[in-house]
Amino acid sequence: MMENDMKREFRWFMLTDYEKEETFLREMHNKGYKLVKVKLPGFYYFELCEPEDVVYKLDFNPQTSEDKQSYLQMYADYGWEYMQDINEYSYFRKSAGNTDEGDTNIFSDDQSKLDMLKRIFMKKLVPLLGIFLLFIVCSAMSIALGGIESSWNRGFIIFWSILFLIYLVIFVYCGRGFYKLRKNYSHRVE
């Protein structure tokens, strides 16, 4: 494959943006670029191909190595091509041609989607929340014990404040995303 047949794109998707990421990958394949690999923090590598409607799905299901083979075989039995794992997300694709809408979904029902959402929340967001709370405690202790008189303490407080704002934005964005997805899936389950 020649270098100009390859394409690299940078896209940033947060924890709750997996449906947007699936749509992006499907649109790229429709334009004639099939996914080759994904590298953190958001680099997507594509190769030139015939435009085709191909569905991409992500599943967050951290597996032990013994369970992984049967997990991948289950998807293969339903016609899904396994691409790779990154950040505990498994990437799958399947041609949308000559298949029903239900056949292009890796989840059999909305309860399965809710279960995945819970796994993401517990495995990814809860640890971040712990780190975030640690930052708050460290900042509060620094202020209480040393004040902000020295330039080192001011720099430290500025650093923690910036980190605090970054984490706050991440939590608000992901919190809204989790809420919307949960509401959407829960509504359809009832």
N, C-alpha and C. Protein backbone atom coordinates (compact mmCIF):
# COMPACT_ATOMS: atom_id res chain seq x y z
N MET A 1 0.85 -1.17 0.00
CA MET A 1 0.00 0.00 0.00
C MET A 1 0.90 1.23 0.00
N MET A 2 0.62 2.14 -0.89
CA MET A 2 1.43 3.35 -1.00
C MET A 2 1.07 4.32 0.11
N GLU A 3 2.03 5.17 0.44
CA GLU A 3 1.86 6.14 1.53
C GLU A 3 0.65 7.06 1.28
N ASN A 4 0.41 7.45 0.02
CA ASN A 4 -0.71 8.36 -0.25
C ASN A 4 -2.06 7.63 -0.24
N ASP A 5 -2.04 6.30 -0.11
CA ASP A 5 -3.28 5.54 0.07
C ASP A 5 -3.70 5.49 1.53
N MET A 6 -2.84 5.99 2.40
CA MET A 6 -3.11 6.01 3.84
C MET A 6 -3.55 7.42 4.25
N LYS A 7 -4.36 7.46 5.27
CA LYS A 7 -4.85 8.75 5.78
C LYS A 7 -4.85 8.67 7.30
N ARG A 8 -4.39 9.75 7.92
CA ARG A 8 -4.41 9.83 9.39
C ARG A 8 -5.26 11.02 9.78
N GLU A 9 -6.15 10.79 10.73
CA GLU A 9 -7.01 11.86 11.23
C GLU A 9 -6.93 11.87 12.74
N PHE A 10 -7.03 13.07 13.29
CA PHE A 10 -7.08 13.21 14.74
C PHE A 10 -8.50 13.60 15.13
N ARG A 11 -9.07 12.85 16.03
CA ARG A 11 -10.39 13.16 16.59
C ARG A 11 -10.34 12.85 18.07
N TRP A 12 -10.99 13.68 18.84
CA TRP A 12 -11.03 13.47 20.28
C TRP A 12 -12.44 13.07 20.67
N PHE A 13 -12.58 11.89 21.23
CA PHE A 13 -13.87 11.42 21.72
C PHE A 13 -13.72 11.10 23.20
N MET A 14 -14.66 11.61 23.98
CA MET A 14 -14.65 11.34 25.42
C MET A 14 -15.30 9.98 25.69
N LEU A 15 -15.32 9.58 26.96
CA LEU A 15 -15.85 8.27 27.35
C LEU A 15 -17.26 8.02 26.83
N THR A 16 -18.09 9.03 26.85
CA THR A 16 -19.50 8.86 26.48
C THR A 16 -19.76 9.13 25.00
N ASP A 17 -18.72 9.34 24.22
CA ASP A 17 -18.88 9.66 22.80
C ASP A 17 -18.71 8.45 21.89
N TYR A 18 -18.84 7.25 22.43
CA TYR A 18 -18.57 6.07 21.60
C TYR A 18 -19.53 5.96 20.42
N GLU A 19 -20.78 6.42 20.56
CA GLU A 19 -21.71 6.38 19.43
C GLU A 19 -21.29 7.37 18.35
N LYS A 20 -20.78 8.53 18.75
CA LYS A 20 -20.27 9.51 17.79
C LYS A 20 -19.04 8.96 17.07
N GLU A 21 -18.20 8.25 17.81
CA GLU A 21 -17.01 7.64 17.21
C GLU A 21 -17.42 6.57 16.18
N GLU A 22 -18.42 5.77 16.51
CA GLU A 22 -18.92 4.76 15.57
C GLU A 22 -19.44 5.43 14.30
N THR A 23 -20.17 6.52 14.45
CA THR A 23 -20.70 7.26 13.29
C THR A 23 -19.56 7.81 12.44
N PHE A 24 -18.56 8.39 13.08
CA PHE A 24 -17.39 8.93 12.36
C PHE A 24 -16.71 7.84 11.53
N LEU A 25 -16.49 6.68 12.13
CA LEU A 25 -15.82 5.58 11.42
C LEU A 25 -16.67 5.07 10.26
N ARG A 26 -17.98 5.01 10.45
CA ARG A 26 -18.88 4.57 9.37
C ARG A 26 -18.85 5.58 8.22
N GLU A 27 -18.88 6.86 8.55
CA GLU A 27 -18.83 7.90 7.51
C GLU A 27 -17.53 7.84 6.73
N MET A 28 -16.42 7.60 7.42
CA MET A 28 -15.13 7.50 6.73
C MET A 28 -15.13 6.31 5.77
N HIS A 29 -15.69 5.19 6.18
CA HIS A 29 -15.74 4.02 5.30
C HIS A 29 -16.65 4.30 4.10
N ASN A 30 -17.75 5.00 4.34
CA ASN A 30 -18.64 5.39 3.24
C ASN A 30 -17.92 6.28 2.23
N LYS A 31 -16.93 7.04 2.70
CA LYS A 31 -16.14 7.93 1.82
C LYS A 31 -14.99 7.19 1.15
N GLY A 32 -14.77 5.93 1.52
CA GLY A 32 -13.70 5.15 0.89
C GLY A 32 -12.44 5.05 1.72
N TYR A 33 -12.56 5.18 3.03
CA TYR A 33 -11.41 5.01 3.92
C TYR A 33 -11.77 4.05 5.04
N LYS A 34 -11.15 2.87 5.02
CA LYS A 34 -11.46 1.90 6.08
C LYS A 34 -10.43 2.02 7.19
N LEU A 35 -10.90 1.82 8.39
CA LEU A 35 -10.05 1.92 9.57
C LEU A 35 -9.01 0.81 9.56
N VAL A 36 -7.76 1.21 9.83
CA VAL A 36 -6.67 0.25 9.96
C VAL A 36 -6.31 0.09 11.43
N LYS A 37 -6.18 1.23 12.13
CA LYS A 37 -5.86 1.17 13.56
C LYS A 37 -6.16 2.51 14.21
N VAL A 38 -6.25 2.45 15.53
CA VAL A 38 -6.45 3.64 16.36
C VAL A 38 -5.32 3.66 17.37
N LYS A 39 -4.75 4.85 17.58
CA LYS A 39 -3.72 5.02 18.60
C LYS A 39 -4.14 6.18 19.50
N LEU A 40 -3.86 6.00 20.79
CA LEU A 40 -4.14 7.10 21.72
C LEU A 40 -3.18 8.23 21.45
N PRO A 41 -3.56 9.44 21.61
CA PRO A 41 -4.82 9.93 22.16
C PRO A 41 -5.81 10.39 21.11
N GLY A 42 -6.11 9.62 20.12
CA GLY A 42 -7.14 9.99 19.15
C GLY A 42 -6.67 10.03 17.71
N PHE A 43 -5.63 9.29 17.39
CA PHE A 43 -5.16 9.22 16.01
C PHE A 43 -5.77 8.00 15.33
N TYR A 44 -6.46 8.26 14.23
CA TYR A 44 -7.14 7.22 13.46
C TYR A 44 -6.40 7.06 12.14
N TYR A 45 -6.06 5.84 11.80
CA TYR A 45 -5.34 5.54 10.57
C TYR A 45 -6.27 4.76 9.65
N PHE A 46 -6.38 5.26 8.41
CA PHE A 46 -7.28 4.67 7.42
C PHE A 46 -6.48 4.33 6.17
N GLU A 47 -7.00 3.35 5.42
CA GLU A 47 -6.44 3.08 4.10
C GLU A 47 -7.56 3.21 3.07
N LEU A 48 -7.15 3.60 1.89
CA LEU A 48 -8.08 3.78 0.79
C LEU A 48 -8.75 2.46 0.45
N CYS A 49 -10.06 2.52 0.21
CA CYS A 49 -10.82 1.31 -0.15
C CYS A 49 -12.00 1.74 -1.02
N GLU A 50 -12.75 0.77 -1.49
CA GLU A 50 -13.98 1.08 -2.20
C GLU A 50 -15.00 1.60 -1.19
N PRO A 51 -15.69 2.69 -1.49
CA PRO A 51 -16.72 3.17 -0.56
C PRO A 51 -17.77 2.08 -0.34
N GLU A 52 -18.10 1.86 0.91
CA GLU A 52 -19.07 0.83 1.27
C GLU A 52 -19.70 1.22 2.60
N ASP A 53 -20.96 0.85 2.78
CA ASP A 53 -21.61 1.12 4.06
C ASP A 53 -21.22 0.02 5.04
N VAL A 54 -20.32 0.36 5.94
CA VAL A 54 -19.83 -0.57 6.95
C VAL A 54 -20.12 0.01 8.32
N VAL A 55 -20.71 -0.81 9.16
CA VAL A 55 -21.06 -0.40 10.52
C VAL A 55 -19.88 -0.70 11.44
N TYR A 56 -19.52 0.28 12.23
CA TYR A 56 -18.48 0.11 13.25
C TYR A 56 -19.15 0.17 14.61
N LYS A 57 -18.76 -0.72 15.49
CA LYS A 57 -19.30 -0.74 16.85
C LYS A 57 -18.16 -0.88 17.84
N LEU A 58 -18.33 -0.22 18.99
CA LEU A 58 -17.37 -0.31 20.08
C LEU A 58 -18.05 -0.99 21.25
N ASP A 59 -17.31 -1.83 21.92
CA ASP A 59 -17.82 -2.49 23.11
C ASP A 59 -16.79 -2.31 24.21
N PHE A 60 -17.25 -1.83 25.35
CA PHE A 60 -16.38 -1.69 26.52
C PHE A 60 -16.63 -2.90 27.39
N ASN A 61 -15.72 -3.85 27.31
CA ASN A 61 -15.89 -5.08 28.07
C ASN A 61 -14.52 -5.65 28.39
N PRO A 62 -13.88 -5.09 29.42
CA PRO A 62 -12.55 -5.59 29.77
C PRO A 62 -12.59 -7.09 30.06
N GLN A 63 -11.75 -7.82 29.39
CA GLN A 63 -11.74 -9.28 29.49
C GLN A 63 -10.39 -9.77 29.98
N THR A 64 -10.41 -10.87 30.68
CA THR A 64 -9.16 -11.56 30.97
C THR A 64 -8.75 -12.29 29.70
N SER A 65 -7.51 -12.64 29.58
CA SER A 65 -7.03 -13.27 28.35
C SER A 65 -7.73 -14.61 28.07
N GLU A 66 -8.12 -15.35 29.13
CA GLU A 66 -8.81 -16.62 28.88
C GLU A 66 -10.22 -16.39 28.34
N ASP A 67 -10.88 -15.34 28.78
CA ASP A 67 -12.24 -15.04 28.32
C ASP A 67 -12.26 -14.35 26.96
N LYS A 68 -11.16 -13.73 26.59
CA LYS A 68 -11.12 -12.91 25.39
C LYS A 68 -11.40 -13.72 24.13
N GLN A 69 -10.85 -14.92 24.05
CA GLN A 69 -11.03 -15.73 22.84
C GLN A 69 -12.49 -16.09 22.61
N SER A 70 -13.21 -16.50 23.65
CA SER A 70 -14.62 -16.84 23.48
C SER A 70 -15.45 -15.59 23.20
N TYR A 71 -15.07 -14.47 23.79
CA TYR A 71 -15.73 -13.18 23.54
C TYR A 71 -15.61 -12.81 22.06
N LEU A 72 -14.40 -12.89 21.51
CA LEU A 72 -14.18 -12.55 20.10
C LEU A 72 -14.87 -13.56 19.18
N GLN A 73 -14.88 -14.83 19.56
CA GLN A 73 -15.53 -15.86 18.74
C GLN A 73 -17.03 -15.61 18.65
N MET A 74 -17.63 -15.16 19.75
CA MET A 74 -19.06 -14.87 19.75
C MET A 74 -19.38 -13.80 18.70
N TYR A 75 -18.57 -12.74 18.64
CA TYR A 75 -18.79 -11.69 17.64
C TYR A 75 -18.53 -12.20 16.23
N ALA A 76 -17.50 -13.00 16.07
CA ALA A 76 -17.19 -13.57 14.75
C ALA A 76 -18.33 -14.44 14.26
N ASP A 77 -18.97 -15.19 15.17
CA ASP A 77 -20.10 -16.04 14.79
C ASP A 77 -21.26 -15.23 14.23
N TYR A 78 -21.37 -13.98 14.63
CA TYR A 78 -22.44 -13.11 14.13
C TYR A 78 -21.96 -12.21 12.99
N GLY A 79 -20.78 -12.49 12.46
CA GLY A 79 -20.31 -11.79 11.28
C GLY A 79 -19.52 -10.52 11.54
N TRP A 80 -19.13 -10.27 12.78
CA TRP A 80 -18.38 -9.07 13.11
C TRP A 80 -16.88 -9.32 12.96
N GLU A 81 -16.20 -8.39 12.34
CA GLU A 81 -14.74 -8.46 12.21
C GLU A 81 -14.13 -7.68 13.37
N TYR A 82 -13.29 -8.34 14.14
CA TYR A 82 -12.59 -7.70 15.25
C TYR A 82 -11.44 -6.89 14.69
N MET A 83 -11.33 -5.64 15.13
CA MET A 83 -10.27 -4.75 14.67
C MET A 83 -9.11 -4.69 15.66
N GLN A 84 -9.43 -4.23 16.87
CA GLN A 84 -8.39 -4.06 17.88
C GLN A 84 -9.03 -3.67 19.20
N ASP A 85 -8.22 -3.67 20.24
CA ASP A 85 -8.61 -3.13 21.54
C ASP A 85 -7.75 -1.91 21.81
N ILE A 86 -8.38 -0.90 22.37
CA ILE A 86 -7.62 0.26 22.83
C ILE A 86 -8.38 0.87 23.99
N ASN A 87 -7.68 1.11 25.06
CA ASN A 87 -8.27 1.71 26.26
C ASN A 87 -9.48 0.91 26.75
N GLU A 88 -9.40 -0.40 26.61
CA GLU A 88 -10.42 -1.38 27.02
C GLU A 88 -11.69 -1.34 26.17
N TYR A 89 -11.67 -0.64 25.05
CA TYR A 89 -12.75 -0.69 24.07
C TYR A 89 -12.33 -1.65 22.97
N SER A 90 -13.24 -2.52 22.57
CA SER A 90 -13.01 -3.41 21.43
C SER A 90 -13.71 -2.81 20.22
N TYR A 91 -13.00 -2.77 19.10
CA TYR A 91 -13.53 -2.22 17.85
C TYR A 91 -13.92 -3.37 16.94
N PHE A 92 -15.15 -3.28 16.42
CA PHE A 92 -15.67 -4.28 15.49
C PHE A 92 -16.26 -3.57 14.28
N ARG A 93 -16.31 -4.29 13.15
CA ARG A 93 -16.98 -3.76 11.97
C ARG A 93 -17.67 -4.88 11.22
N LYS A 94 -18.69 -4.45 10.45
CA LYS A 94 -19.49 -5.42 9.69
C LYS A 94 -20.15 -4.66 8.54
N SER A 95 -20.20 -5.28 7.38
CA SER A 95 -20.86 -4.67 6.24
C SER A 95 -22.35 -4.52 6.52
N ALA A 96 -22.90 -3.35 6.21
CA ALA A 96 -24.32 -3.10 6.45
C ALA A 96 -25.18 -3.61 5.30
N GLY A 97 -24.57 -3.94 4.18
CA GLY A 97 -25.31 -4.43 3.03
C GLY A 97 -25.95 -5.78 3.29
N ASN A 98 -27.19 -5.94 2.85
CA ASN A 98 -27.94 -7.20 2.97
C ASN A 98 -28.13 -7.68 4.40
N THR A 99 -28.18 -6.77 5.35
CA THR A 99 -28.43 -7.16 6.74
C THR A 99 -29.53 -6.28 7.32
N ASP A 100 -30.26 -6.83 8.27
CA ASP A 100 -31.29 -6.06 8.97
C ASP A 100 -30.62 -5.10 9.93
N GLU A 101 -31.39 -4.10 10.36
CA GLU A 101 -30.88 -3.13 11.33
C GLU A 101 -30.44 -3.84 12.61
N GLY A 102 -31.19 -4.84 13.05
CA GLY A 102 -30.83 -5.59 14.25
C GLY A 102 -29.53 -6.35 14.11
N ASP A 103 -29.20 -6.75 12.88
CA ASP A 103 -27.96 -7.48 12.64
C ASP A 103 -26.73 -6.57 12.64
N THR A 104 -26.95 -5.27 12.60
CA THR A 104 -25.83 -4.33 12.61
C THR A 104 -25.64 -3.70 13.98
N ASN A 105 -26.18 -4.34 14.99
CA ASN A 105 -26.01 -3.86 16.35
C ASN A 105 -25.41 -4.98 17.18
N ILE A 106 -24.40 -4.67 17.96
CA ILE A 106 -23.76 -5.72 18.76
C ILE A 106 -24.54 -6.00 20.05
N PHE A 107 -25.46 -5.13 20.40
CA PHE A 107 -26.26 -5.33 21.61
C PHE A 107 -27.65 -5.81 21.24
N SER A 108 -28.12 -6.82 21.95
CA SER A 108 -29.43 -7.38 21.65
C SER A 108 -30.57 -6.53 22.20
N ASP A 109 -30.28 -5.73 23.21
CA ASP A 109 -31.33 -4.90 23.81
C ASP A 109 -30.70 -3.69 24.51
N ASP A 110 -31.56 -2.77 24.94
CA ASP A 110 -31.08 -1.57 25.60
C ASP A 110 -30.53 -1.84 26.99
N GLN A 111 -30.98 -2.93 27.63
CA GLN A 111 -30.41 -3.27 28.94
C GLN A 111 -28.92 -3.59 28.81
N SER A 112 -28.53 -4.22 27.71
CA SER A 112 -27.11 -4.51 27.47
C SER A 112 -26.32 -3.21 27.33
N LYS A 113 -26.93 -2.22 26.68
CA LYS A 113 -26.27 -0.92 26.54
C LYS A 113 -26.12 -0.24 27.90
N LEU A 114 -27.16 -0.36 28.73
CA LEU A 114 -27.08 0.20 30.09
C LEU A 114 -25.98 -0.49 30.89
N ASP A 115 -25.86 -1.80 30.72
CA ASP A 115 -24.81 -2.55 31.43
C ASP A 115 -23.42 -2.07 31.00
N MET A 116 -23.24 -1.83 29.69
CA MET A 116 -21.96 -1.33 29.21
C MET A 116 -21.68 0.05 29.79
N LEU A 117 -22.70 0.89 29.82
CA LEU A 117 -22.55 2.24 30.37
C LEU A 117 -22.10 2.18 31.83
N LYS A 118 -22.67 1.25 32.57
CA LYS A 118 -22.29 1.08 33.98
C LYS A 118 -20.83 0.63 34.09
N ARG A 119 -20.40 -0.29 33.21
CA ARG A 119 -19.01 -0.74 33.23
C ARG A 119 -18.05 0.42 32.95
N ILE A 120 -18.40 1.26 31.98
CA ILE A 120 -17.56 2.41 31.66
C ILE A 120 -17.47 3.34 32.87
N PHE A 121 -18.62 3.62 33.47
CA PHE A 121 -18.67 4.53 34.61
C PHE A 121 -17.81 4.01 35.75
N MET A 122 -17.98 2.73 36.10
CA MET A 122 -17.26 2.17 37.25
C MET A 122 -15.76 2.01 36.98
N LYS A 123 -15.40 1.66 35.76
CA LYS A 123 -14.00 1.37 35.46
C LYS A 123 -13.20 2.61 35.08
N LYS A 124 -13.85 3.61 34.51
CA LYS A 124 -13.12 4.78 34.01
C LYS A 124 -13.40 6.06 34.80
N LEU A 125 -14.66 6.36 35.06
CA LEU A 125 -14.98 7.64 35.68
C LEU A 125 -14.77 7.63 37.19
N VAL A 126 -15.09 6.55 37.85
CA VAL A 126 -14.92 6.49 39.31
C VAL A 126 -13.44 6.66 39.70
N PRO A 127 -12.48 5.99 39.04
CA PRO A 127 -11.07 6.25 39.38
C PRO A 127 -10.66 7.70 39.13
N LEU A 128 -11.16 8.30 38.05
CA LEU A 128 -10.86 9.72 37.80
C LEU A 128 -11.41 10.59 38.91
N LEU A 129 -12.58 10.25 39.39
CA LEU A 129 -13.18 11.00 40.49
C LEU A 129 -12.30 10.91 41.74
N GLY A 130 -11.74 9.74 42.00
CA GLY A 130 -10.83 9.57 43.13
C GLY A 130 -9.60 10.46 43.01
N ILE A 131 -9.01 10.50 41.82
CA ILE A 131 -7.85 11.36 41.58
C ILE A 131 -8.23 12.82 41.74
N PHE A 132 -9.38 13.19 41.22
CA PHE A 132 -9.89 14.55 41.33
C PHE A 132 -10.03 14.96 42.79
N LEU A 133 -10.61 14.09 43.60
CA LEU A 133 -10.77 14.40 45.03
C LEU A 133 -9.41 14.50 45.72
N LEU A 134 -8.46 13.68 45.31
CA LEU A 134 -7.11 13.77 45.85
C LEU A 134 -6.49 15.13 45.54
N PHE A 135 -6.68 15.63 44.32
CA PHE A 135 -6.19 16.95 43.96
C PHE A 135 -6.78 18.03 44.86
N ILE A 136 -8.07 17.92 45.11
CA ILE A 136 -8.73 18.91 45.96
C ILE A 136 -8.15 18.88 47.37
N VAL A 137 -7.96 17.69 47.92
CA VAL A 137 -7.40 17.56 49.27
C VAL A 137 -5.98 18.12 49.32
N CYS A 138 -5.15 17.78 48.32
CA CYS A 138 -3.77 18.29 48.29
C CYS A 138 -3.74 19.81 48.21
N SER A 139 -4.59 20.37 47.39
CA SER A 139 -4.65 21.83 47.26
C SER A 139 -5.09 22.47 48.57
N ALA A 140 -6.10 21.92 49.19
CA ALA A 140 -6.59 22.47 50.45
C ALA A 140 -5.52 22.39 51.53
N MET A 141 -4.80 21.27 51.59
CA MET A 141 -3.73 21.12 52.59
C MET A 141 -2.60 22.10 52.33
N SER A 142 -2.26 22.31 51.07
CA SER A 142 -1.19 23.24 50.73
C SER A 142 -1.54 24.65 51.17
N ILE A 143 -2.76 25.04 50.93
CA ILE A 143 -3.20 26.38 51.34
C ILE A 143 -3.24 26.48 52.85
N ALA A 144 -3.79 25.47 53.51
CA ALA A 144 -3.93 25.51 54.97
C ALA A 144 -2.57 25.49 55.68
N LEU A 145 -1.64 24.70 55.18
CA LEU A 145 -0.35 24.56 55.86
C LEU A 145 0.66 25.63 55.49
N GLY A 146 0.64 26.06 54.25
CA GLY A 146 1.70 26.98 53.82
C GLY A 146 1.21 28.34 53.39
N GLY A 147 -0.09 28.50 53.27
CA GLY A 147 -0.58 29.77 52.75
C GLY A 147 -0.19 29.93 51.30
N ILE A 148 -0.35 31.13 50.80
CA ILE A 148 0.01 31.38 49.40
C ILE A 148 1.05 32.47 49.29
N GLU A 149 1.81 32.70 50.37
CA GLU A 149 2.78 33.79 50.37
C GLU A 149 3.94 33.56 49.41
N SER A 150 4.49 32.37 49.40
CA SER A 150 5.67 32.14 48.56
C SER A 150 5.26 31.95 47.10
N SER A 151 6.20 32.27 46.22
CA SER A 151 5.90 32.12 44.78
C SER A 151 5.73 30.64 44.42
N TRP A 152 6.44 29.74 45.13
CA TRP A 152 6.29 28.31 44.87
C TRP A 152 4.87 27.87 45.17
N ASN A 153 4.33 28.32 46.31
CA ASN A 153 2.96 27.97 46.67
C ASN A 153 1.96 28.55 45.69
N ARG A 154 2.20 29.78 45.23
CA ARG A 154 1.29 30.38 44.24
C ARG A 154 1.31 29.56 42.95
N GLY A 155 2.51 29.17 42.51
CA GLY A 155 2.62 28.35 41.31
C GLY A 155 1.93 27.00 41.48
N PHE A 156 2.10 26.43 42.65
CA PHE A 156 1.46 25.15 42.97
C PHE A 156 -0.05 25.29 42.94
N ILE A 157 -0.56 26.36 43.52
CA ILE A 157 -2.01 26.59 43.55
C ILE A 157 -2.54 26.85 42.14
N ILE A 158 -1.79 27.59 41.34
CA ILE A 158 -2.21 27.84 39.95
C ILE A 158 -2.26 26.51 39.19
N PHE A 159 -1.23 25.68 39.37
CA PHE A 159 -1.20 24.37 38.71
C PHE A 159 -2.42 23.53 39.11
N TRP A 160 -2.69 23.44 40.41
CA TRP A 160 -3.82 22.65 40.89
C TRP A 160 -5.15 23.24 40.42
N SER A 161 -5.20 24.56 40.34
CA SER A 161 -6.44 25.21 39.88
C SER A 161 -6.72 24.88 38.42
N ILE A 162 -5.67 24.90 37.60
CA ILE A 162 -5.84 24.55 36.18
C ILE A 162 -6.25 23.09 36.05
N LEU A 163 -5.58 22.23 36.81
CA LEU A 163 -5.94 20.81 36.81
C LEU A 163 -7.37 20.60 37.27
N PHE A 164 -7.76 21.34 38.29
CA PHE A 164 -9.13 21.28 38.81
C PHE A 164 -10.14 21.65 37.71
N LEU A 165 -9.86 22.73 36.98
CA LEU A 165 -10.77 23.16 35.92
C LEU A 165 -10.85 22.12 34.80
N ILE A 166 -9.72 21.54 34.44
CA ILE A 166 -9.72 20.50 33.40
C ILE A 166 -10.59 19.32 33.83
N TYR A 167 -10.36 18.86 35.06
CA TYR A 167 -11.15 17.74 35.57
C TYR A 167 -12.62 18.11 35.67
N LEU A 168 -12.91 19.31 36.09
CA LEU A 168 -14.30 19.75 36.20
C LEU A 168 -15.00 19.71 34.84
N VAL A 169 -14.33 20.20 33.82
CA VAL A 169 -14.90 20.17 32.47
C VAL A 169 -15.14 18.72 32.03
N ILE A 170 -14.16 17.84 32.28
CA ILE A 170 -14.31 16.43 31.92
C ILE A 170 -15.50 15.81 32.64
N PHE A 171 -15.62 16.07 33.95
CA PHE A 171 -16.72 15.48 34.71
C PHE A 171 -18.08 16.01 34.28
N VAL A 172 -18.15 17.30 34.02
CA VAL A 172 -19.44 17.86 33.58
C VAL A 172 -19.81 17.28 32.22
N TYR A 173 -18.86 17.25 31.29
CA TYR A 173 -19.14 16.72 29.95
C TYR A 173 -19.54 15.25 30.01
N CYS A 174 -18.73 14.44 30.71
CA CYS A 174 -19.03 13.01 30.80
C CYS A 174 -20.30 12.76 31.61
N GLY A 175 -20.50 13.54 32.65
CA GLY A 175 -21.72 13.40 33.46
C GLY A 175 -22.97 13.63 32.62
N ARG A 176 -22.93 14.70 31.82
CA ARG A 176 -24.07 14.98 30.93
C ARG A 176 -24.24 13.85 29.91
N GLY A 177 -23.12 13.38 29.37
CA GLY A 177 -23.19 12.29 28.39
C GLY A 177 -23.76 11.01 28.99
N PHE A 178 -23.30 10.64 30.19
CA PHE A 178 -23.84 9.46 30.87
C PHE A 178 -25.32 9.63 31.15
N TYR A 179 -25.70 10.81 31.60
CA TYR A 179 -27.11 11.06 31.91
C TYR A 179 -27.97 10.91 30.66
N LYS A 180 -27.55 11.53 29.54
CA LYS A 180 -28.33 11.45 28.30
C LYS A 180 -28.43 10.01 27.79
N LEU A 181 -27.30 9.30 27.77
CA LEU A 181 -27.32 7.92 27.29
C LEU A 181 -28.18 7.04 28.20
N ARG A 182 -28.00 7.21 29.50
CA ARG A 182 -28.77 6.40 30.45
C ARG A 182 -30.26 6.67 30.31
N LYS A 183 -30.61 7.95 30.16
CA LYS A 183 -32.02 8.32 29.99
C LYS A 183 -32.57 7.72 28.70
N ASN A 184 -31.81 7.81 27.63
CA ASN A 184 -32.23 7.28 26.34
C ASN A 184 -32.42 5.76 26.40
N TYR A 185 -31.45 5.04 26.96
CA TYR A 185 -31.55 3.58 27.03
C TYR A 185 -32.61 3.15 28.03
N SER A 186 -32.69 3.82 29.18
CA SER A 186 -33.68 3.46 30.21
C SER A 186 -35.09 3.65 29.71
N HIS A 187 -35.30 4.74 28.98
CA HIS A 187 -36.63 5.04 28.45
C HIS A 187 -37.11 3.92 27.53
N ARG A 188 -36.19 3.39 26.73
CA ARG A 188 -36.57 2.33 25.79
C ARG A 188 -36.69 0.98 26.46
N VAL A 189 -36.07 0.81 27.65
CA VAL A 189 -36.17 -0.46 28.38
C VAL A 189 -37.54 -0.60 29.02
N GLU A 190 -38.07 0.50 29.53
CA GLU A 190 -39.36 0.47 30.26
C GLU A 190 -40.52 0.11 29.38
